[in-house]
C-alpha atoms as a PDB file:
ATOM      1  CA  MET A   1     -26.798 -18.813  89.323  1.00  0.00           C
ATOM      2  CA  PHE A   2     -27.994 -21.874  87.382  1.00  0.00           C
ATOM      3  CA  ASP A   3     -24.902 -24.055  87.227  1.00  0.00           C
ATOM      4  CA  ALA A   4     -23.585 -25.099  83.822  1.00  0.00           C
ATOM      5  CA  PRO A   5     -20.703 -27.524  84.572  1.00  0.00           C
ATOM      6  CA  ALA A   6     -23.041 -30.010  86.221  1.00  0.00           C
ATOM      7  CA  ALA A   7     -25.908 -29.211  83.820  1.00  0.00           C
ATOM      8  CA  GLN A   8     -28.022 -29.514  86.953  1.00  0.00           C
ATOM      9  CA  ALA A   9     -29.621 -26.824  89.073  1.00  0.00           C
ATOM     10  CA  GLN A  10     -32.010 -26.454  91.955  1.00  0.00           C
ATOM     11  CA  PRO A  11     -35.134 -25.719  89.904  1.00  0.00           C
ATOM     12  CA  MET A  12     -37.069 -22.501  90.459  1.00  0.00           C
ATOM     13  CA  ILE A  13     -40.686 -23.489  89.842  1.00  0.00           C
ATOM     14  CA  LEU A  14     -43.738 -21.251  89.409  1.00  0.00           C
ATOM     15  CA  PRO A  15     -47.048 -23.136  88.995  1.00  0.00           C
ATOM     16  CA  ALA A  16     -49.472 -21.396  86.647  1.00  0.00           C
ATOM     17  CA  MET A  17     -52.354 -22.077  89.020  1.00  0.00           C
ATOM     18  CA  THR A  18     -52.553 -21.106  92.684  1.00  0.00           C
ATOM     19  CA  PRO A  19     -53.963 -23.518  95.304  1.00  0.00           C
ATOM     20  CA  ASP A  20     -57.309 -21.680  95.213  1.00  0.00           C
ATOM     21  CA  GLY A  21     -57.636 -22.216  91.451  1.00  0.00           C
ATOM     22  CA  THR A  22     -56.731 -18.760  90.124  1.00  0.00           C
ATOM     23  CA  LEU A  23     -54.055 -18.252  87.456  1.00  0.00           C
ATOM     24  CA  ARG A  24     -50.728 -16.587  88.227  1.00  0.00           C
ATOM     25  CA  PHE A  25     -50.042 -16.435  84.494  1.00  0.00           C
ATOM     26  CA  ASP A  26     -51.792 -17.795  81.409  1.00  0.00           C
ATOM     27  CA  PRO A  27     -49.910 -20.787  79.938  1.00  0.00           C
ATOM     28  CA  ARG A  28     -51.944 -20.517  76.736  1.00  0.00           C
ATOM     29  CA  GLU A  29     -51.011 -16.957  75.739  1.00  0.00           C
ATOM     30  CA  GLY A  30     -48.777 -14.233  77.126  1.00  0.00           C
ATOM     31  CA  ALA A  31     -45.120 -13.261  77.446  1.00  0.00           C
ATOM     32  CA  ILE A  32     -42.095 -14.091  79.607  1.00  0.00           C
ATOM     33  CA  ARG A  33     -39.213 -11.662  80.156  1.00  0.00           C
ATOM     34  CA  LEU A  34     -35.776 -12.363  81.666  1.00  0.00           C
ATOM     35  CA  VAL A  35     -32.612 -10.386  82.382  1.00  0.00           C
ATOM     36  CA  PHE A  36     -29.643 -12.769  82.286  1.00  0.00           C
ATOM     37  CA  ARG A  37     -25.851 -12.971  82.054  1.00  0.00           C
ATOM     38  CA  PRO A  38     -24.096 -16.076  80.661  1.00  0.00           C
ATOM     39  CA  GLU A  39     -21.155 -17.513  82.587  1.00  0.00           C
ATOM     40  CA  TRP A  40     -19.860 -19.161  79.404  1.00  0.00           C
ATOM     41  CA  SER A  41     -18.523 -18.025  76.033  1.00  0.00           C
ATOM     42  CA  SER A  42     -20.046 -19.086  72.737  1.00  0.00           C
ATOM     43  CA  ARG A  43     -18.064 -21.534  70.640  1.00  0.00           C
ATOM     44  CA  GLN A  44     -16.629 -19.680  67.640  1.00  0.00           C
ATOM     45  CA  PRO A  45     -14.509 -20.937  64.698  1.00  0.00           C
ATOM     46  CA  ILE A  46     -12.140 -17.992  65.215  1.00  0.00           C
ATOM     47  CA  VAL A  47     -11.296 -16.613  68.663  1.00  0.00           C
ATOM     48  CA  LEU A  48     -10.778 -12.859  68.548  1.00  0.00           C
ATOM     49  CA  PRO A  49      -7.577 -11.460  70.101  1.00  0.00           C
ATOM     50  CA  GLY A  50      -8.109 -10.757  73.790  1.00  0.00           C
ATOM     51  CA  ASP A  51     -11.051 -13.161  74.147  1.00  0.00           C
ATOM     52  CA  LEU A  52     -11.228 -16.463  75.966  1.00  0.00           C
ATOM     53  CA  PRO A  53     -11.969 -19.493  73.765  1.00  0.00           C
ATOM     54  CA  GLY A  54     -15.563 -20.593  74.202  1.00  0.00           C
ATOM     55  CA  GLU A  55     -17.295 -23.955  74.386  1.00  0.00           C
ATOM     56  CA  GLY A  56     -20.848 -22.799  75.091  1.00  0.00           C
ATOM     57  CA  PRO A  57     -22.937 -24.399  77.846  1.00  0.00           C
ATOM     58  CA  GLY A  58     -22.193 -27.866  76.423  1.00  0.00           C
ATOM     59  CA  HIS A  59     -25.816 -29.019  76.436  1.00  0.00           C
ATOM     60  CA  LEU A  60     -29.281 -27.775  75.530  1.00  0.00           C
ATOM     61  CA  ALA A  61     -29.458 -25.069  78.185  1.00  0.00           C
ATOM     62  CA  ARG A  62     -32.871 -23.762  79.240  1.00  0.00           C
ATOM     63  CA  LEU A  63     -33.414 -20.160  80.249  1.00  0.00           C
ATOM     64  CA  TRP A  64     -36.959 -21.245  81.070  1.00  0.00           C
ATOM     65  CA  GLN A  65     -39.363 -24.082  80.312  1.00  0.00           C
ATOM     66  CA  MET A  66     -43.142 -24.469  80.605  1.00  0.00           C
ATOM     67  CA  GLY A  67     -44.306 -28.057  80.856  1.00  0.00           C
ATOM     68  CA  ASP A  68     -42.305 -31.288  80.890  1.00  0.00           C
ATOM     69  CA  TRP A  69     -40.056 -32.242  77.981  1.00  0.00           C
ATOM     70  CA  THR A  70     -40.548 -35.916  77.141  1.00  0.00           C
ATOM     71  CA  ASP A  71     -38.730 -38.185  74.691  1.00  0.00           C
ATOM     72  CA  ASP A  72     -41.991 -39.121  72.972  1.00  0.00           C
ATOM     73  CA  ALA A  73     -43.419 -35.562  72.988  1.00  0.00           C
ATOM     74  CA  SER A  74     -46.410 -36.826  74.948  1.00  0.00           C
ATOM     75  CA  SER A  75     -46.583 -33.612  76.980  1.00  0.00           C
ATOM     76  CA  VAL A  76     -47.206 -30.071  75.719  1.00  0.00           C
ATOM     77  CA  CYS A  77     -44.075 -28.012  76.354  1.00  0.00           C
ATOM     78  CA  LEU A  78     -42.589 -24.612  75.489  1.00  0.00           C
ATOM     79  CA  ALA A  79     -38.971 -23.669  76.201  1.00  0.00           C
ATOM     80  CA  LEU A  80     -36.411 -20.938  75.537  1.00  0.00           C
ATOM     81  CA  ALA A  81     -32.938 -22.469  75.330  1.00  0.00           C
ATOM     82  CA  PHE A  82     -29.388 -22.145  73.998  1.00  0.00           C
ATOM     83  CA  ASP A  83     -27.899 -24.776  71.727  1.00  0.00           C
ATOM     84  CA  PRO A  84     -24.885 -26.652  73.216  1.00  0.00           C
ATOM     85  CA  ALA A  85     -22.411 -24.319  71.458  1.00  0.00           C
ATOM     86  CA  GLY A  86     -24.123 -21.189  72.783  1.00  0.00           C
ATOM     87  CA  THR A  87     -24.405 -19.735  69.279  1.00  0.00           C
ATOM     88  CA  ASN A  88     -28.187 -19.857  68.875  1.00  0.00           C
ATOM     89  CA  LEU A  89     -31.188 -18.923  70.979  1.00  0.00           C
ATOM     90  CA  LEU A  90     -34.044 -21.375  70.356  1.00  0.00           C
ATOM     91  CA  VAL A  91     -37.772 -21.456  71.026  1.00  0.00           C
ATOM     92  CA  LEU A  92     -38.701 -25.151  71.257  1.00  0.00           C
ATOM     93  CA  THR A  93     -42.098 -26.824  71.512  1.00  0.00           C
ATOM     94  CA  GLN A  94     -43.781 -30.202  71.903  1.00  0.00           C
ATOM     95  CA  ASP A  95     -47.434 -30.583  70.908  1.00  0.00           C
ATOM     96  CA  GLY A  96     -48.291 -33.461  73.228  1.00  0.00           C
ATOM     97  CA  HIS A  97     -49.046 -35.779  70.300  1.00  0.00           C
ATOM     98  CA  GLY A  98     -45.542 -36.858  69.298  1.00  0.00           C
ATOM     99  CA  GLY A  99     -44.573 -33.651  67.512  1.00  0.00           C
ATOM    100  CA  THR A 100     -41.403 -31.717  68.404  1.00  0.00           C
ATOM    101  CA  ALA A 101     -40.441 -28.458  66.693  1.00  0.00           C
ATOM    102  CA  THR A 102     -37.948 -25.621  66.770  1.00  0.00           C
ATOM    103  CA  ASN A 103     -40.290 -22.665  66.374  1.00  0.00           C
ATOM    104  CA  PHE A 104     -37.692 -19.882  66.291  1.00  0.00           C
ATOM    105  CA  VAL A 105     -33.915 -19.655  65.807  1.00  0.00           C
ATOM    106  CA  ALA A 106     -31.838 -16.513  66.442  1.00  0.00           C
ATOM    107  CA  ALA A 107     -28.061 -16.136  66.416  1.00  0.00           C
ATOM    108  CA  PHE A 108     -26.462 -15.378  69.786  1.00  0.00           C
ATOM    109  CA  SER A 109     -22.906 -14.628  70.888  1.00  0.00           C
ATOM    110  CA  SER A 110     -21.449 -14.425  74.393  1.00  0.00           C
ATOM    111  CA  ARG A 111     -17.814 -13.282  74.657  1.00  0.00           C
ATOM    112  CA  ARG A 112     -15.571 -13.216  77.717  1.00  0.00           C
ATOM    113  CA  PRO A 113     -12.286 -11.269  77.792  1.00  0.00           C
ATOM    114  CA  GLN A 114      -8.938 -12.890  78.537  1.00  0.00           C
ATOM    115  CA  PRO A 115      -7.569 -11.598  81.881  1.00  0.00           C
ATOM    116  CA  MET A 116      -4.198  -9.912  81.344  1.00  0.00           C
ATOM    117  CA  PRO A 117      -1.871  -7.973  83.661  1.00  0.00           C
ATOM    118  CA  GLY A 118      -2.827  -4.303  83.652  1.00  0.00           C
ATOM    119  CA  ARG A 119      -5.963  -4.868  81.603  1.00  0.00           C
ATOM    120  CA  VAL A 120      -9.234  -3.360  82.804  1.00  0.00           C
ATOM    121  CA  LEU A 121     -11.915  -5.975  82.211  1.00  0.00           C
ATOM    122  CA  PRO A 122     -15.242  -4.583  80.999  1.00  0.00           C
ATOM    123  CA  THR A 123     -18.320  -4.953  83.133  1.00  0.00           C
ATOM    124  CA  PRO A 124     -19.948  -8.330  82.326  1.00  0.00           C
ATOM    125  CA  ARG A 125     -22.799  -7.872  79.918  1.00  0.00           C
ATOM    126  CA  TRP A 126     -26.425  -8.444  80.858  1.00  0.00           C
ATOM    127  CA  TYR A 127     -29.053  -9.304  78.251  1.00  0.00           C
ATOM    128  CA  GLU A 128     -32.801  -8.792  78.290  1.00  0.00           C
ATOM    129  CA  VAL A 129     -34.948 -11.302  76.410  1.00  0.00           C
ATOM    130  CA  ALA A 130     -38.702 -11.612  76.020  1.00  0.00           C
ATOM    131  CA  VAL A 131     -40.818 -14.252  74.293  1.00  0.00           C
ATOM    132  CA  ASN A 132     -44.399 -13.647  73.190  1.00  0.00           C
ATOM    133  CA  TYR A 133     -46.331 -16.902  72.809  1.00  0.00           C
ATOM    134  CA  SER A 134     -49.819 -17.835  71.621  1.00  0.00           C
ATOM    135  CA  PRO A 135     -51.478 -20.488  69.440  1.00  0.00           C
ATOM    136  CA  ALA A 136     -50.949 -18.168  66.459  1.00  0.00           C
ATOM    137  CA  ARG A 137     -47.239 -17.338  66.789  1.00  0.00           C
ATOM    138  CA  VAL A 138     -44.145 -16.878  68.925  1.00  0.00           C
ATOM    139  CA  GLU A 139     -41.967 -13.757  68.846  1.00  0.00           C
ATOM    140  CA  LEU A 140     -38.485 -13.174  70.265  1.00  0.00           C
ATOM    141  CA  ILE A 141     -37.183  -9.796  71.493  1.00  0.00           C
ATOM    142  CA  LEU A 142     -33.533  -9.424  72.558  1.00  0.00           C
ATOM    143  CA  ASP A 143     -32.226  -6.163  74.041  1.00  0.00           C
ATOM    144  CA  GLY A 144     -35.146  -4.234  72.588  1.00  0.00           C
ATOM    145  CA  ALA A 145     -34.780  -5.621  69.049  1.00  0.00           C
ATOM    146  CA  CYS A 146     -37.549  -7.748  67.511  1.00  0.00           C
ATOM    147  CA  LEU A 147     -35.570 -10.611  65.993  1.00  0.00           C
ATOM    148  CA  GLN A 148     -36.124 -12.520  62.762  1.00  0.00           C
ATOM    149  CA  ASP A 149     -36.080 -16.292  62.500  1.00  0.00           C
ATOM    150  CA  ALA A 150     -32.640 -17.136  61.096  1.00  0.00           C
ATOM    151  CA  ARG A 151     -34.151 -19.777  58.804  1.00  0.00           C
ATOM    152  CA  ASN A 152     -36.711 -17.697  56.906  1.00  0.00           C
ATOM    153  CA  ARG A 153     -36.156 -14.065  58.013  1.00  0.00           C
ATOM    154  CA  MET A 154     -39.702 -13.849  59.371  1.00  0.00           C
ATOM    155  CA  PRO A 155     -40.296 -11.833  62.584  1.00  0.00           C
ATOM    156  CA  TYR A 156     -42.313 -14.648  64.148  1.00  0.00           C
ATOM    157  CA  GLY A 157     -42.419 -18.425  64.429  1.00  0.00           C
ATOM    158  CA  ARG A 158     -45.143 -21.039  64.559  1.00  0.00           C
ATOM    159  CA  GLY A 159     -47.417 -20.869  67.586  1.00  0.00           C
ATOM    160  CA  ILE A 160     -47.845 -23.344  70.422  1.00  0.00           C
ATOM    161  CA  ALA A 161     -50.890 -25.419  71.298  1.00  0.00           C
ATOM    162  CA  GLY A 162     -52.402 -24.240  74.557  1.00  0.00           C
ATOM    163  CA  LEU A 163     -50.699 -25.643  77.632  1.00  0.00           C
ATOM    164  CA  PRO A 164     -52.923 -27.025  80.408  1.00  0.00           C
ATOM    165  CA  ALA A 165     -53.814 -24.816  83.354  1.00  0.00           C
ATOM    166  CA  ASP A 166     -51.726 -26.912  85.765  1.00  0.00           C
ATOM    167  CA  THR A 167     -48.528 -26.220  83.776  1.00  0.00           C
ATOM    168  CA  ARG A 168     -45.378 -25.341  85.736  1.00  0.00           C
ATOM    169  CA  LEU A 169     -42.873 -22.675  84.653  1.00  0.00           C
ATOM    170  CA  ALA A 170     -39.240 -23.477  85.504  1.00  0.00           C
ATOM    171  CA  ILE A 171     -36.710 -20.613  85.485  1.00  0.00           C
ATOM    172  CA  GLY A 172     -33.063 -21.350  84.627  1.00  0.00           C
ATOM    173  CA  SER A 173     -33.498 -25.052  83.880  1.00  0.00           C
ATOM    174  CA  ALA A 174     -36.051 -27.762  83.130  1.00  0.00           C
ATOM    175  CA  PRO A 175     -38.545 -28.482  85.942  1.00  0.00           C
ATOM    176  CA  ASP A 176     -36.435 -31.434  87.125  1.00  0.00           C
ATOM    177  CA  GLY A 177     -33.314 -29.244  87.323  1.00  0.00           C
ATOM    178  CA  THR A 178     -31.608 -30.664  84.210  1.00  0.00           C
ATOM    179  CA  GLY A 179     -30.526 -28.578  81.232  1.00  0.00           C
ATOM    180  CA  ALA A 180     -29.323 -25.701  83.442  1.00  0.00           C
ATOM    181  CA  SER A 181     -28.719 -22.432  81.601  1.00  0.00           C
ATOM    182  CA  GLY A 182     -25.323 -21.607  83.117  1.00  0.00           C
ATOM    183  CA  CYS A 183     -26.517 -18.016  83.513  1.00  0.00           C
ATOM    184  CA  TRP A 184     -27.075 -15.504  86.253  1.00  0.00           C
ATOM    185  CA  ILE A 185     -30.743 -14.476  86.098  1.00  0.00           C
ATOM    186  CA  GLU A 186     -31.500 -11.106  87.644  1.00  0.00           C
ATOM    187  CA  GLU A 187     -35.175 -10.632  86.777  1.00  0.00           C
ATOM    188  CA  ALA A 188     -38.054 -12.820  85.606  1.00  0.00           C
ATOM    189  CA  GLN A 189     -41.506 -11.524  84.757  1.00  0.00           C
ATOM    190  CA  THR A 190     -44.662 -12.991  83.214  1.00  0.00           C
ATOM    191  CA  TYR A 191     -47.344 -11.098  81.283  1.00  0.00           C
ATOM    192  CA  GLY A 192     -50.933 -11.980  80.439  1.00  0.00           C
ATOM    193  CA  ALA A 193     -50.613 -10.700  76.866  1.00  0.00           C
ATOM    194  CA  SER A 194     -47.949 -10.062  74.233  1.00  0.00           C
ATOM    195  CA  ILE A 195     -45.624  -7.125  74.886  1.00  0.00           C
ATOM    196  CA  SER A 196     -43.749  -4.798  72.546  1.00  0.00           C
ATOM    197  CA  ALA A 197     -40.075  -3.862  72.519  1.00  0.00           C
ATOM    198  CA  LEU A 198     -41.023  -0.413  73.834  1.00  0.00           C
ATOM    199  CA  GLU A 199     -42.258  -1.974  77.091  1.00  0.00           C
ATOM    200  CA  LEU A 200     -38.868  -3.498  77.939  1.00  0.00           C
ATOM    201  CA  ASN A 201     -36.088  -2.077  80.106  1.00  0.00           C
ATOM    202  CA  HIS A 202     -33.161  -2.666  77.738  1.00  0.00           C
ATOM    203  CA  THR A 203     -32.094   0.998  77.873  1.00  0.00           C
ATOM    204  CA  ARG A 204     -31.667   0.728  81.652  1.00  0.00           C
ATOM    205  CA  ILE A 205     -29.122  -2.095  81.458  1.00  0.00           C
ATOM    206  CA  GLY A 206     -27.187  -0.714  78.488  1.00  0.00           C
ATOM    207  CA  ALA A 207     -24.347   1.161  80.212  1.00  0.00           C
ATOM    208  CA  ASP A 208     -23.604  -0.006  83.785  1.00  0.00           C
ATOM    209  CA  LEU A 209     -20.853   2.565  84.332  1.00  0.00           C
ATOM    210  CA  GLY A 210     -17.771   1.963  86.493  1.00  0.00           C
ATOM    211  CA  ALA A 211     -14.361   3.593  87.032  1.00  0.00           C
ATOM    212  CA  ARG A 212     -10.809   2.789  88.171  1.00  0.00           C
ATOM    213  CA  VAL A 213      -8.408   5.506  89.348  1.00  0.00           C
ATOM    214  CA  GLU A 214      -4.626   5.708  88.930  1.00  0.00           C
ATOM    215  CA  ALA A 215      -2.840   8.036  91.355  1.00  0.00           C
ATOM    216  CA  SER A 216       0.480   8.781  89.631  1.00  0.00           C
ATOM    217  CA  PRO A 217       0.231  10.206  87.087  1.00  0.00           C
ATOM    218  CA  PRO A 218      -3.460  10.974  87.690  1.00  0.00           C
ATOM    219  CA  ALA A 219      -5.786   9.050  85.358  1.00  0.00           C
ATOM    220  CA  VAL A 220      -9.369   7.768  85.344  1.00  0.00           C
ATOM    221  CA  ASN A 221     -10.333   4.606  83.463  1.00  0.00           C
ATOM    222  CA  LEU A 222     -14.056   4.424  82.693  1.00  0.00           C
ATOM    223  CA  HIS A 223     -15.720   1.205  81.569  1.00  0.00           C
ATOM    224  CA  TRP A 224     -19.284   0.273  80.723  1.00  0.00           C
ATOM    225  CA  CYS A 225     -21.266  -2.426  78.982  1.00  0.00           C
ATOM    226  CA  ALA A 226     -21.192  -1.504  75.290  1.00  0.00           C
ATOM    227  CA  ASP A 227     -24.522  -2.327  73.643  1.00  0.00           C
ATOM    228  CA  ARG A 228     -23.990  -3.817  70.159  1.00  0.00           C
ATOM    229  CA  GLY A 229     -21.029  -1.537  69.415  1.00  0.00           C
ATOM    230  CA  VAL A 230     -22.909   1.708  70.049  1.00  0.00           C
ATOM    231  CA  SER A 231     -20.598   4.741  70.429  1.00  0.00           C
ATOM    232  CA  LEU A 232     -21.387   7.109  73.286  1.00  0.00           C
ATOM    233  CA  PRO A 233     -20.096  10.622  74.057  1.00  0.00           C
ATOM    234  CA  VAL A 234     -18.010  11.045  77.222  1.00  0.00           C
ATOM    235  CA  GLN A 235     -18.048  14.287  79.247  1.00  0.00           C
ATOM    236  CA  ARG A 236     -16.419  15.476  82.477  1.00  0.00           C
ATOM    237  CA  ARG A 237     -16.798  18.283  84.985  1.00  0.00           C
ATOM    238  CA  LEU A 238     -15.836  19.079  88.559  1.00  0.00           C
ATOM    239  CA  ARG A 239     -18.579  17.902  90.880  1.00  0.00           C
ATOM    240  CA  GLY A 240     -21.002  20.760  91.368  1.00  0.00           C
ATOM    241  CA  ALA A 241     -19.785  22.708  88.336  1.00  0.00           C
ATOM    242  CA  GLY A 242     -22.196  23.723  85.578  1.00  0.00           C
ATOM    243  CA  ALA A 243     -20.506  23.205  82.226  1.00  0.00           C
ATOM    244  CA  TRP A 244     -19.370  19.831  80.873  1.00  0.00           C
ATOM    245  CA  THR A 245     -16.097  19.270  79.009  1.00  0.00           C
ATOM    246  CA  GLU A 246     -16.344  17.032  75.953  1.00  0.00           C
ATOM    247  CA  LEU A 247     -13.757  14.234  76.108  1.00  0.00           C
ATOM    248  CA  GLY A 248     -14.756  11.997  73.214  1.00  0.00           C
ATOM    249  CA  ALA A 249     -17.668  11.193  70.940  1.00  0.00           C
ATOM    250  CA  THR A 250     -16.779   7.688  69.713  1.00  0.00           C
ATOM    251  CA  ALA A 251     -16.161   5.695  72.891  1.00  0.00           C
ATOM    252  CA  GLN A 252     -17.302   2.054  72.850  1.00  0.00           C
ATOM    253  CA  GLY A 253     -17.168   0.390  76.240  1.00  0.00           C
ATOM    254  CA  SER A 254     -14.225   2.263  77.778  1.00  0.00           C
ATOM    255  CA  TRP A 255     -12.431   5.607  77.996  1.00  0.00           C
ATOM    256  CA  ARG A 256      -9.115   6.560  79.607  1.00  0.00           C
ATOM    257  CA  ASP A 257      -8.882  10.142  80.865  1.00  0.00           C
ATOM    258  CA  THR A 258      -5.231  11.221  81.168  1.00  0.00           C
ATOM    259  CA  ASP A 259      -5.797  14.984  81.033  1.00  0.00           C
ATOM    260  CA  PRO A 260      -2.735  16.719  82.601  1.00  0.00           C
ATOM    261  CA  GLY A 261      -5.199  19.110  84.246  1.00  0.00           C
ATOM    262  CA  LEU A 262      -6.624  16.420  86.537  1.00  0.00           C
ATOM    263  CA  ARG A 263      -5.959  17.437  90.141  1.00  0.00           C
ATOM    264  CA  THR A 264      -5.402  15.078  93.043  1.00  0.00           C
ATOM    265  CA  GLY A 265      -7.980  15.521  95.790  1.00  0.00           C
ATOM    266  CA  GLU A 266     -10.774  16.702  93.480  1.00  0.00           C
ATOM    267  CA  VAL A 267     -13.982  14.817  92.727  1.00  0.00           C
ATOM    268  CA  TYR A 268     -14.882  14.617  89.040  1.00  0.00           C
ATOM    269  CA  GLU A 269     -18.261  13.785  87.571  1.00  0.00           C
ATOM    270  CA  TYR A 270     -18.337  11.825  84.315  1.00  0.00           C
ATOM    271  CA  ARG A 271     -21.299  11.423  81.990  1.00  0.00           C
ATOM    272  CA  VAL A 272     -21.484   8.689  79.338  1.00  0.00           C
ATOM    273  CA  GLY A 273     -24.382   9.140  76.941  1.00  0.00           C
ATOM    274  CA  ASP A 274     -27.355  11.129  78.180  1.00  0.00           C
ATOM    275  CA  GLU A 275     -28.148   9.532  81.536  1.00  0.00           C
ATOM    276  CA  ASN A 276     -25.229   7.463  82.857  1.00  0.00           C
ATOM    277  CA  ARG A 277     -23.160   9.356  85.433  1.00  0.00           C
ATOM    278  CA  ILE A 278     -20.534   8.533  88.031  1.00  0.00           C
ATOM    279  CA  CYS A 279     -18.596  10.645  90.559  1.00  0.00           C
ATOM    280  CA  VAL A 280     -14.907   9.737  90.801  1.00  0.00           C
ATOM    281  CA  PRO A 281     -12.700  11.006  93.669  1.00  0.00           C
ATOM    282  CA  LEU A 282      -9.119  11.408  92.452  1.00  0.00           C
ATOM    283  CA  ALA A 283      -7.064  10.183  95.414  1.00  0.00           C
ATOM    284  CA  ALA A 284      -9.442  12.071  97.700  1.00  0.00           C
ATOM    285  CA  ARG A 285      -9.995  11.237 101.347  1.00  0.00           C
ATOM    286  CA  ALA A 286     -12.460   8.396 101.815  1.00  0.00           C
ATOM    287  CA  VAL A 287     -15.936   9.371 103.005  1.00  0.00           C
ATOM    288  CA  GLU A 288     -17.937   6.848 104.998  1.00  0.00           C
ATOM    289  CA  GLN A 289     -21.603   6.706 104.032  1.00  0.00           C
ATOM    290  CA  ARG A 290     -23.649   4.416 106.246  1.00  0.00           C
ATOM    291  CA  GLY A 291     -26.813   2.956 104.772  1.00  0.00           C
ATOM    292  CA  GLY A 292     -29.665   0.820 105.986  1.00  0.00           C
ATOM    293  CA  VAL A 293     -30.917  -2.704 105.381  1.00  0.00           C
ATOM    294  CA  LEU A 294     -34.550  -3.560 104.666  1.00  0.00           C
ATOM    295  CA  VAL A 295     -35.456  -7.185 105.447  1.00  0.00           C
ATOM    296  CA  LEU A 296     -38.813  -8.628 104.358  1.00  0.00           C
ATOM    297  CA  VAL A 297     -39.844 -11.711 106.335  1.00  0.00           C
ATOM    298  CA  ASP A 298     -42.926 -13.766 107.041  1.00  0.00           C
ATOM    299  CA  GLU A 299     -45.053 -12.565 109.948  1.00  0.00           C
ATOM    300  CA  SER A 300     -44.551 -15.863 111.783  1.00  0.00           C
ATOM    301  CA  VAL A 301     -40.781 -15.368 112.167  1.00  0.00           C
ATOM    302  CA  ARG A 302     -40.649 -11.590 112.525  1.00  0.00           C
ATOM    303  CA  ARG A 303     -40.199 -11.402 116.310  1.00  0.00           C
ATOM    304  CA  ASP A 304     -37.442 -14.023 116.597  1.00  0.00           C
ATOM    305  CA  LEU A 305     -35.560 -12.697 113.591  1.00  0.00           C
ATOM    306  CA  ARG A 306     -35.768  -9.130 114.850  1.00  0.00           C
ATOM    307  CA  GLU A 307     -34.124 -10.086 118.139  1.00  0.00           C
ATOM    308  CA  GLU A 308     -31.318 -11.914 116.315  1.00  0.00           C
ATOM    309  CA  LEU A 309     -30.635  -8.962 114.004  1.00  0.00           C
ATOM    310  CA  GLU A 310     -30.522  -6.472 116.849  1.00  0.00           C
END
C-alpha cells in the first residue's frame, strides 16, 4: 500500500540497468503494466446515493515514475499519475531542457460505497492499466480498453525523448517517496516493446466472486466486481449435478438468491458469466482443508530459517 494521507511512501525502485551493465527494461521504448486499487474516492460535484463523498488523493499521485521530476525540467522524466481530485489519469513528461508536458489525459472515477447496517459491500474494484511509450507516441490502456486523449479524442499522445540508461523506475510514488498513489498495487510488469489490449489480463480481474449466507430463511447473497456496468447471467446447481438453473440474466455486481427450494445442509454451486464459479455451503458442517506454505528465501539464510519454521 502506497500511503495517501502522508503523500509519502517507502519507494519501490527498479533501476533500468543491472550492476553488470545489462538492461532490465528499456527506458527509451516499451510498456509498463500495473494492477491497482485506489484507497480513495474521486471528487465529484454530485455524490450518488449510497456512495461516500470523495476528495481524491489530494495531490499529484504517481502510480509510477521513470526519472526524477525537477522544478526546472532539467531531467528527462515520464510518469503516470492521478490529478489531486482523482478524476483524471495523466501521462506526464519532462524533456530535460525546461519543457514539461501533459502527454495524455483520460477521465477516471473511483467510487467507494457508504457502509450501512445490513448492506453487503461489493468487493473493492481492481483496475489494470498499461502505458506504451516511445519517442513517437504514448498510449494508455485501462481495463482492456484503448483510451482516447480527453483533449483531442486521439488514441495516442506525444512521445517522450529517450530516457538515459541509468534511469530508475519508481512504483507507487516518485523515486524519493513523495507523490504517493494511495493505491494498493498487486502486480507490476515491464515490457521491451508496446503491447496490445489483447495481451492484458483484464478479463481475469473482472468478476472476483464472493458470497454471504443467511440461515433463516435460507438465502445466498452473491457479490462481484462489476466491470463498467456489464450485466452477467447467474446460474445455480447442486454441487456435482449436471444441469444449471438460470436465476437471472441482468445482474450487475450482486444477486440475492431467496429461492424457497434452497435446503439447509446442501452445497450449491453458482456460476456468474462463463467462468466465475463459487461453491456455497448452506449452513452445512464446516470442513477443514489444510494447505501448505511455500517460502522462497536466499540460499544464505535457508538453514537458519528452516529451523525456525519447523
